[in-house]
Amino acid sequence: MQYAGDLVSTSAAPRAVPWHLLAVAFASTSIIVGGMWDISWHRSIGRDSFWTPAHMAIYLGGIVAGLSCGWLVLRATFAGDARERGAGVSFWGFRGPLGAWVCIWGSFAMLVSAPFDDWWHNAYGLDVEILSPPHLVLSAGIFGIGLGAMLMALAHQNNAGRTDRLLQRLYVYTGGLLVLMLATLFTEHIMLPNQQHAPAFFFVSAAVFPILLVAIARGSASRWGATGAAGVYMAVSLLMIWILQLFPAQPMLAPIMREIDRMIPPSFPLLLVLPALVVDFTLNRLPADTGRLRTWLVAVGGGVAAIAVLGVVQWFFAAFLLTEHARNFFFAGDLWDYYIPPGAFQYEFWGRPLAAGDAGWAALVAAVSSVAGLWWGNWMARVRR
């Protein structure tokens, strides 16, 4: 990897966004849209074929990322000038941007998972959980492409002198898609409002979100990187909620326990913009010459405060989502999988509520996650390749 000052001009002049950055941003978008669509397909229709449109959107993203980054590596290795070769990371004699290598690895993992997933469904039927063995491989590949897309946008942002607004926004956009990917991966633990008073919701949120928000904020040239990424997470989630409900659907696999005539959308997204604002506001108050110890303490405080804010706002918002006022097109409340029989559980919180001891453990997890996020973000702020 390359660090600040090691190579490439840091001219502040705006520049055109390279096509390969747009390609990997499209790939990352196609994958997460396809993934959310596929989950809705399972919940509304069941799995009738590998060749569903949702699967095609997922694997289109993997193919676009793999081919565009593969071409970038081959061009830099065999047709690039000294500057292009010097701006790449070497692997097995080939040279290319760090993010491109991560995307290529993710594309391979996704394509390998496809026949494994098809065999798994033919052998065992519909997945009971999102994280089945083939889906773990697929998820690793999806995360790789999302991370690679963000790293490619990050390197271009840093090489542009961290002043190019378009590159800043592309980095924030790809970071927001990465947040959405991980939130979707942990859907079964944090996304249903019925779960959002239980300790597991706070533990998982404390582990996942501070590391992402602090890292994205620290790596961003914008003062509101974490807030922008959280906004992307919420905007894409809301669009998928509203669009999916427009399409008719009919269950195709037994047992059919509910009347379904429309696609079942994801749950309403977490109100992540508020904790992201806390992270940005906290880190923005640090002067440039702040010592290392104070920086770490402030980052930890910001991450813990962000989870506290998320916990408070989501506690009350989850209660609202269980009421009849949320049973409409906008909030998409009380929409359940066709194979889940109706019951009083739909309108109740599950498990025991958070206790004081649980809150202490969640704060500790958030502190560790924030430290990891600051370390990662400091590294990202120096990435040039």
Protein backbone atom coordinates (compact mmCIF):
# COMPACT_ATOMS: atom_id res chain seq x y z
CA MET A 1 0.00 0.00 0.00
CA GLN A 2 1.08 3.58 -0.46
CA TYR A 3 0.88 6.46 1.95
CA ALA A 4 0.50 10.19 1.66
CA GLY A 5 3.25 11.95 -0.16
CA ASP A 6 4.65 8.81 -1.74
CA LEU A 7 3.27 9.25 -5.22
CA VAL A 8 0.92 10.95 -7.65
CA SER A 9 0.05 14.59 -7.91
CA THR A 10 -2.12 16.11 -5.21
CA SER A 11 -3.52 18.81 -7.43
CA ALA A 12 -6.75 20.28 -6.17
CA ALA A 13 -8.18 20.64 -9.66
CA PRO A 14 -11.36 18.58 -10.22
CA ARG A 15 -10.96 15.63 -12.54
CA ALA A 16 -13.26 13.29 -14.40
CA VAL A 17 -14.24 10.18 -12.48
CA PRO A 18 -12.54 7.15 -14.10
CA TRP A 19 -14.94 4.66 -15.66
CA HIS A 20 -13.69 1.79 -13.51
CA LEU A 21 -14.73 3.67 -10.36
CA LEU A 22 -18.22 4.07 -11.76
CA ALA A 23 -18.21 0.39 -12.76
CA VAL A 24 -17.39 -0.88 -9.26
CA ALA A 25 -19.88 1.58 -7.71
CA PHE A 26 -22.54 0.19 -10.07
CA ALA A 27 -21.47 -3.37 -9.22
CA SER A 28 -21.75 -2.71 -5.49
CA THR A 29 -25.19 -1.15 -5.99
CA SER A 30 -26.42 -4.03 -8.16
CA ILE A 31 -25.26 -6.56 -5.59
CA ILE A 32 -26.97 -4.97 -2.59
CA VAL A 33 -30.17 -4.26 -4.54
CA GLY A 34 -30.17 -7.86 -5.78
CA GLY A 35 -29.48 -9.16 -2.28
CA MET A 36 -32.37 -7.26 -0.71
CA TRP A 37 -34.58 -8.30 -3.63
CA ASP A 38 -33.57 -11.94 -3.15
CA ILE A 39 -34.43 -11.86 0.56
CA SER A 40 -37.82 -10.38 -0.34
CA TRP A 41 -38.25 -13.08 -3.01
CA HIS A 42 -37.65 -15.82 -0.44
CA ARG A 43 -40.09 -14.19 2.00
CA SER A 44 -42.83 -13.60 -0.60
CA ILE A 45 -42.54 -16.34 -3.23
CA GLY A 46 -40.06 -18.94 -2.09
CA ARG A 47 -37.23 -20.12 -4.29
CA ASP A 48 -38.48 -21.51 -7.58
CA SER A 49 -35.26 -21.31 -9.64
CA PHE A 50 -31.63 -20.26 -9.49
CA TRP A 51 -32.35 -17.95 -12.43
CA THR A 52 -34.47 -15.45 -10.54
CA PRO A 53 -34.07 -11.76 -11.47
CA ALA A 54 -32.74 -11.06 -7.97
CA HIS A 55 -29.95 -13.62 -8.41
CA MET A 56 -29.11 -12.18 -11.80
CA ALA A 57 -28.72 -8.70 -10.29
CA ILE A 58 -26.37 -10.08 -7.62
CA TYR A 59 -24.17 -11.98 -10.04
CA LEU A 60 -24.23 -9.16 -12.61
CA GLY A 61 -22.56 -7.01 -9.96
CA GLY A 62 -19.96 -9.69 -9.29
CA ILE A 63 -19.18 -10.10 -12.99
CA VAL A 64 -18.95 -6.34 -13.64
CA ALA A 65 -16.61 -5.86 -10.69
CA GLY A 66 -14.44 -8.83 -11.64
CA LEU A 67 -14.14 -7.96 -15.32
CA SER A 68 -13.55 -4.22 -14.85
CA CYS A 69 -10.94 -4.74 -12.13
CA GLY A 70 -9.35 -7.62 -14.04
CA TRP A 71 -8.98 -5.37 -17.09
CA LEU A 72 -7.50 -2.65 -14.87
CA VAL A 73 -4.88 -5.05 -13.51
CA LEU A 74 -3.97 -6.44 -16.95
CA ARG A 75 -3.68 -2.97 -18.45
CA ALA A 76 -1.49 -1.69 -15.61
CA THR A 77 0.71 -4.79 -15.80
CA PHE A 78 1.22 -5.07 -19.55
CA ALA A 79 0.35 -1.68 -21.05
CA GLY A 80 0.76 0.82 -18.22
CA ASP A 81 3.55 3.35 -17.99
CA ALA A 82 5.96 3.57 -15.05
CA ARG A 83 3.61 5.82 -13.10
CA GLU A 84 0.64 3.45 -13.48
CA ARG A 85 2.70 0.42 -12.53
CA GLY A 86 4.17 2.28 -9.57
CA ALA A 87 0.69 3.25 -8.39
CA GLY A 88 -0.38 -0.39 -8.09
CA VAL A 89 0.04 -3.23 -5.60
CA SER A 90 1.99 -6.25 -6.83
CA PHE A 91 0.51 -9.75 -6.60
CA TRP A 92 1.96 -12.77 -8.43
CA GLY A 93 3.78 -10.45 -10.80
CA PHE A 94 0.62 -8.50 -11.69
CA ARG A 95 0.03 -4.92 -10.57
CA GLY A 96 -3.19 -3.08 -9.82
CA PRO A 97 -4.92 -0.90 -7.24
CA LEU A 98 -5.48 -2.44 -3.82
CA GLY A 99 -9.25 -2.03 -4.15
CA ALA A 100 -9.21 -3.79 -7.52
CA TRP A 101 -7.51 -6.83 -6.00
CA VAL A 102 -10.14 -6.94 -3.22
CA CYS A 103 -12.93 -6.71 -5.83
CA ILE A 104 -11.37 -9.52 -7.89
CA TRP A 105 -11.18 -11.75 -4.83
CA GLY A 106 -14.81 -10.91 -3.98
CA SER A 107 -15.92 -11.69 -7.53
CA PHE A 108 -14.24 -15.12 -7.41
CA ALA A 109 -15.86 -15.90 -4.04
CA MET A 110 -19.30 -14.93 -5.36
CA LEU A 111 -18.99 -17.03 -8.50
CA VAL A 112 -17.71 -20.03 -6.53
CA SER A 113 -20.70 -19.74 -4.17
CA ALA A 114 -23.26 -19.91 -7.03
CA PRO A 115 -23.18 -23.68 -7.79
CA PHE A 116 -22.73 -24.41 -4.07
CA ASP A 117 -25.87 -22.40 -3.25
CA ASP A 118 -27.85 -24.08 -6.04
CA TRP A 119 -26.84 -27.53 -4.77
CA TRP A 120 -27.68 -26.55 -1.18
CA HIS A 121 -31.20 -25.45 -2.09
CA ASN A 122 -31.82 -28.56 -4.18
CA ALA A 123 -30.67 -30.73 -1.27
CA TYR A 124 -32.20 -28.88 1.70
CA GLY A 125 -34.89 -26.59 0.28
CA LEU A 126 -35.56 -23.00 1.33
CA ASP A 127 -33.04 -21.42 3.71
CA VAL A 128 -34.26 -21.07 7.29
CA GLU A 129 -31.57 -18.47 8.00
CA ILE A 130 -29.68 -15.97 5.87
CA LEU A 131 -26.28 -17.30 6.97
CA SER A 132 -26.30 -20.78 5.44
CA PRO A 133 -22.87 -22.20 4.46
CA PRO A 134 -23.11 -21.18 0.76
CA HIS A 135 -24.43 -17.78 1.78
CA LEU A 136 -21.39 -17.28 4.03
CA VAL A 137 -19.15 -17.67 0.97
CA LEU A 138 -21.43 -15.40 -1.05
CA SER A 139 -21.51 -12.82 1.76
CA ALA A 140 -17.73 -12.79 1.98
CA GLY A 141 -17.56 -12.10 -1.76
CA ILE A 142 -20.22 -9.39 -1.55
CA PHE A 143 -18.37 -7.71 1.31
CA GLY A 144 -15.13 -7.96 -0.67
CA ILE A 145 -16.61 -6.12 -3.65
CA GLY A 146 -18.20 -3.47 -1.41
CA LEU A 147 -14.92 -2.96 0.45
CA GLY A 148 -12.91 -2.94 -2.79
CA ALA A 149 -15.20 -0.33 -4.35
CA MET A 150 -14.78 1.88 -1.29
CA LEU A 151 -10.99 1.48 -1.30
CA MET A 152 -10.77 2.39 -4.98
CA ALA A 153 -12.84 5.55 -4.43
CA LEU A 154 -10.77 6.29 -1.33
CA ALA A 155 -7.44 6.10 -3.17
CA HIS A 156 -8.68 8.46 -5.88
CA GLN A 157 -10.02 10.86 -3.24
CA ASN A 158 -6.67 10.91 -1.45
CA ASN A 159 -4.67 11.28 -4.66
CA ALA A 160 -6.82 14.24 -5.70
CA GLY A 161 -5.57 16.15 -2.68
CA ARG A 162 -8.79 15.32 -0.76
CA THR A 163 -10.47 18.35 -2.36
CA ASP A 164 -12.44 16.80 -5.24
CA ARG A 165 -16.08 16.90 -4.13
CA LEU A 166 -17.24 14.30 -6.63
CA LEU A 167 -14.66 11.77 -5.46
CA GLN A 168 -15.53 12.55 -1.85
CA ARG A 169 -19.17 11.79 -2.58
CA LEU A 170 -18.31 8.58 -4.41
CA TYR A 171 -16.28 7.42 -1.41
CA VAL A 172 -19.16 8.26 0.95
CA TYR A 173 -21.63 6.51 -1.37
CA THR A 174 -19.60 3.29 -1.52
CA GLY A 175 -19.09 3.49 2.24
CA GLY A 176 -22.85 3.75 2.72
CA LEU A 177 -23.38 0.66 0.56
CA LEU A 178 -20.87 -1.19 2.74
CA VAL A 179 -22.87 -0.20 5.85
CA LEU A 180 -26.03 -1.49 4.16
CA MET A 181 -24.34 -4.76 3.22
CA LEU A 182 -23.38 -5.48 6.82
CA ALA A 183 -26.76 -4.36 8.18
CA THR A 184 -28.44 -6.74 5.71
CA LEU A 185 -26.10 -9.56 6.72
CA PHE A 186 -27.21 -9.16 10.35
CA THR A 187 -30.90 -8.66 9.50
CA GLU A 188 -31.97 -11.61 11.63
CA HIS A 189 -30.47 -10.05 14.77
CA ILE A 190 -31.14 -6.31 14.52
CA MET A 191 -33.67 -5.30 11.86
CA LEU A 192 -37.06 -6.50 13.14
CA PRO A 193 -38.55 -3.94 15.56
CA ASN A 194 -39.61 -6.84 17.81
CA GLN A 195 -35.91 -7.46 18.54
CA GLN A 196 -34.89 -3.90 19.30
CA HIS A 197 -35.40 -3.95 23.07
CA ALA A 198 -33.37 -7.12 23.59
CA PRO A 199 -29.67 -7.21 24.58
CA ALA A 200 -28.65 -8.95 21.33
CA PHE A 201 -29.73 -5.91 19.28
CA PHE A 202 -27.48 -3.62 21.33
CA PHE A 203 -24.52 -6.01 21.31
CA VAL A 204 -24.62 -6.56 17.54
CA SER A 205 -25.17 -2.86 16.82
CA ALA A 206 -22.30 -1.91 19.14
CA ALA A 207 -20.00 -4.34 17.35
CA VAL A 208 -20.95 -3.44 13.77
CA PHE A 209 -21.72 0.28 13.53
CA PRO A 210 -19.02 2.18 15.48
CA ILE A 211 -16.19 0.54 13.53
CA LEU A 212 -17.84 1.44 10.22
CA LEU A 213 -18.95 4.96 11.11
CA VAL A 214 -15.67 5.97 12.78
CA ALA A 215 -13.57 4.48 9.97
CA ILE A 216 -15.61 6.10 7.21
CA ALA A 217 -15.56 9.46 9.00
CA ARG A 218 -11.82 9.29 9.60
CA GLY A 219 -11.05 8.32 6.01
CA SER A 220 -13.37 10.87 4.44
CA ALA A 221 -12.18 14.24 3.17
CA SER A 222 -15.68 15.52 3.92
CA ARG A 223 -16.54 16.71 7.42
CA TRP A 224 -19.74 14.67 7.31
CA GLY A 225 -18.55 11.34 5.93
CA ALA A 226 -20.29 9.12 8.49
CA THR A 227 -23.55 11.07 8.20
CA GLY A 228 -23.44 10.83 4.41
CA ALA A 229 -22.79 7.10 4.52
CA ALA A 230 -25.66 6.58 6.98
CA GLY A 231 -27.86 8.67 4.69
CA VAL A 232 -26.99 6.40 1.76
CA TYR A 233 -27.82 3.35 3.90
CA MET A 234 -31.21 4.78 4.81
CA ALA A 235 -32.04 6.14 1.33
CA VAL A 236 -31.33 2.87 -0.50
CA SER A 237 -33.21 0.90 2.17
CA LEU A 238 -36.26 3.15 1.90
CA LEU A 239 -36.27 3.01 -1.89
CA MET A 240 -36.19 -0.79 -1.77
CA ILE A 241 -39.04 -0.82 0.78
CA TRP A 242 -41.25 1.38 -1.36
CA ILE A 243 -40.37 -0.14 -4.75
CA LEU A 244 -40.73 -3.80 -3.75
CA GLN A 245 -44.27 -3.23 -2.44
CA LEU A 246 -45.33 -2.16 -5.92
CA PHE A 247 -44.77 -5.64 -7.41
CA PRO A 248 -47.30 -8.48 -7.13
CA ALA A 249 -46.17 -11.79 -5.66
CA GLN A 250 -47.67 -15.17 -4.86
CA PRO A 251 -46.15 -17.89 -2.66
CA MET A 252 -44.94 -20.91 -4.63
CA LEU A 253 -43.74 -23.25 -1.86
CA ALA A 254 -45.59 -24.87 1.04
CA PRO A 255 -46.45 -24.28 3.80
CA ILE A 256 -48.39 -21.12 2.93
CA MET A 257 -49.61 -19.61 6.20
CA ARG A 258 -50.54 -16.10 5.05
CA GLU A 259 -52.28 -14.37 2.16
CA ILE A 260 -49.52 -12.64 0.14
CA ASP A 261 -50.23 -10.57 -2.97
CA ARG A 262 -47.22 -8.19 -2.93
CA MET A 263 -43.49 -8.52 -2.41
CA ILE A 264 -42.59 -8.38 1.29
CA PRO A 265 -40.13 -5.48 1.73
CA PRO A 266 -37.29 -5.21 4.26
CA SER A 267 -37.99 -3.77 7.68
CA PHE A 268 -37.78 -0.01 8.08
CA PRO A 269 -34.08 0.94 8.37
CA LEU A 270 -32.42 1.86 11.64
CA LEU A 271 -32.28 5.60 12.32
CA LEU A 272 -28.54 5.48 11.79
CA VAL A 273 -28.17 9.10 10.65
CA LEU A 274 -28.46 10.37 14.24
CA PRO A 275 -25.58 8.31 15.70
CA ALA A 276 -23.56 9.08 12.55
CA LEU A 277 -24.04 12.80 13.25
CA VAL A 278 -22.65 12.20 16.75
CA VAL A 279 -19.55 10.51 15.30
CA ASP A 280 -18.93 13.27 12.76
CA PHE A 281 -19.54 16.06 15.26
CA THR A 282 -17.19 14.44 17.78
CA LEU A 283 -14.34 13.82 15.34
CA ASN A 284 -14.74 17.23 13.67
CA ARG A 285 -14.01 18.96 16.98
CA LEU A 286 -10.53 17.46 17.14
CA PRO A 287 -7.82 19.97 16.14
CA ALA A 288 -5.28 18.78 13.57
CA ASP A 289 -2.47 18.72 16.16
CA THR A 290 -4.41 16.68 18.75
CA GLY A 291 -2.26 14.09 20.52
CA ARG A 292 -2.75 10.41 19.92
CA LEU A 293 -4.14 9.58 23.37
CA ARG A 294 -6.77 12.31 23.24
CA THR A 295 -7.73 11.29 19.70
CA TRP A 296 -8.32 7.71 20.81
CA LEU A 297 -10.30 8.79 23.88
CA VAL A 298 -12.50 11.14 21.85
CA ALA A 299 -13.12 8.46 19.18
CA VAL A 300 -14.10 5.95 21.84
CA GLY A 301 -16.38 8.50 23.49
CA GLY A 302 -17.97 9.32 20.15
CA GLY A 303 -18.56 5.67 19.29
CA VAL A 304 -20.09 4.88 22.68
CA ALA A 305 -22.25 8.02 22.53
CA ALA A 306 -23.40 7.06 19.02
CA ILE A 307 -24.60 3.65 20.20
CA ALA A 308 -26.30 5.27 23.19
CA VAL A 309 -28.14 7.64 20.83
CA LEU A 310 -29.06 4.77 18.51
CA GLY A 311 -30.34 2.75 21.46
CA VAL A 312 -32.53 5.55 22.77
CA VAL A 313 -34.07 6.61 19.44
CA GLN A 314 -34.54 3.03 18.24
CA TRP A 315 -36.11 2.00 21.57
CA PHE A 316 -38.99 4.41 21.03
CA PHE A 317 -39.13 4.08 17.26
CA ALA A 318 -39.36 0.28 17.50
CA ALA A 319 -42.36 0.67 19.82
CA PHE A 320 -43.99 2.90 17.20
CA LEU A 321 -43.30 0.36 14.42
CA LEU A 322 -45.30 -2.26 16.35
CA THR A 323 -48.40 -0.07 16.42
CA GLU A 324 -51.16 0.19 13.84
CA HIS A 325 -49.82 3.63 12.84
CA ALA A 326 -46.89 1.92 11.10
CA ARG A 327 -49.06 -0.49 9.10
CA ASN A 328 -48.97 1.45 5.86
CA PHE A 329 -47.02 1.78 2.63
CA PHE A 330 -44.49 4.25 4.04
CA PHE A 331 -43.37 2.34 7.15
CA ALA A 332 -44.28 -1.17 5.87
CA GLY A 333 -45.02 -2.41 9.35
CA ASP A 334 -46.45 -5.83 10.25
CA LEU A 335 -45.52 -7.52 6.95
CA TRP A 336 -44.42 -11.11 7.56
CA ASP A 337 -43.10 -14.04 5.54
CA TYR A 338 -45.79 -16.18 3.91
CA TYR A 339 -44.67 -19.31 5.82
CA ILE A 340 -44.95 -17.73 9.31
CA PRO A 341 -48.36 -18.32 10.92
CA PRO A 342 -50.10 -15.26 12.38
CA GLY A 343 -49.94 -14.69 16.13
CA ALA A 344 -49.76 -12.20 18.98
CA PHE A 345 -45.95 -12.28 18.72
CA GLN A 346 -46.21 -9.84 15.79
CA TYR A 347 -47.08 -6.99 18.15
CA GLU A 348 -44.73 -7.82 21.05
CA PHE A 349 -41.08 -7.36 21.87
CA TRP A 350 -39.17 -10.62 21.97
CA GLY A 351 -36.89 -11.72 24.79
CA ARG A 352 -36.06 -9.82 27.95
CA PRO A 353 -35.43 -6.09 27.71
CA LEU A 354 -32.01 -4.50 28.08
CA ALA A 355 -30.75 -4.32 31.67
CA ALA A 356 -28.15 -2.01 33.20
CA GLY A 357 -25.48 -4.71 33.09
CA ASP A 358 -26.22 -5.36 29.42
CA ALA A 359 -25.83 -1.65 28.68
CA GLY A 360 -22.39 -1.69 30.28
CA TRP A 361 -21.29 -4.62 28.14
CA ALA A 362 -22.70 -2.95 25.01
CA ALA A 363 -20.71 0.21 25.86
CA LEU A 364 -17.55 -1.88 26.19
CA VAL A 365 -18.18 -3.55 22.83
CA ALA A 366 -18.81 -0.13 21.26
CA ALA A 367 -15.54 1.18 22.72
CA VAL A 368 -13.54 -1.70 21.24
CA SER A 369 -15.35 -1.30 17.91
CA SER A 370 -14.56 2.45 17.93
CA VAL A 371 -10.86 1.81 18.56
CA ALA A 372 -10.80 -0.61 15.64
CA GLY A 373 -12.64 1.96 13.51
CA LEU A 374 -10.14 4.71 14.35
CA TRP A 375 -7.19 2.47 13.50
CA TRP A 376 -8.83 1.47 10.22
CA GLY A 377 -9.80 5.05 9.42
CA ASN A 378 -6.29 6.39 10.10
CA TRP A 379 -4.94 3.78 7.70
CA MET A 380 -7.53 4.66 5.06
CA ALA A 381 -6.66 8.37 5.28
CA ARG A 382 -3.17 7.47 4.03
CA VAL A 383 -4.10 5.00 1.28
CA ARG A 384 -2.94 6.07 -2.19
CA ARG A 385 -2.90 2.84 -4.18
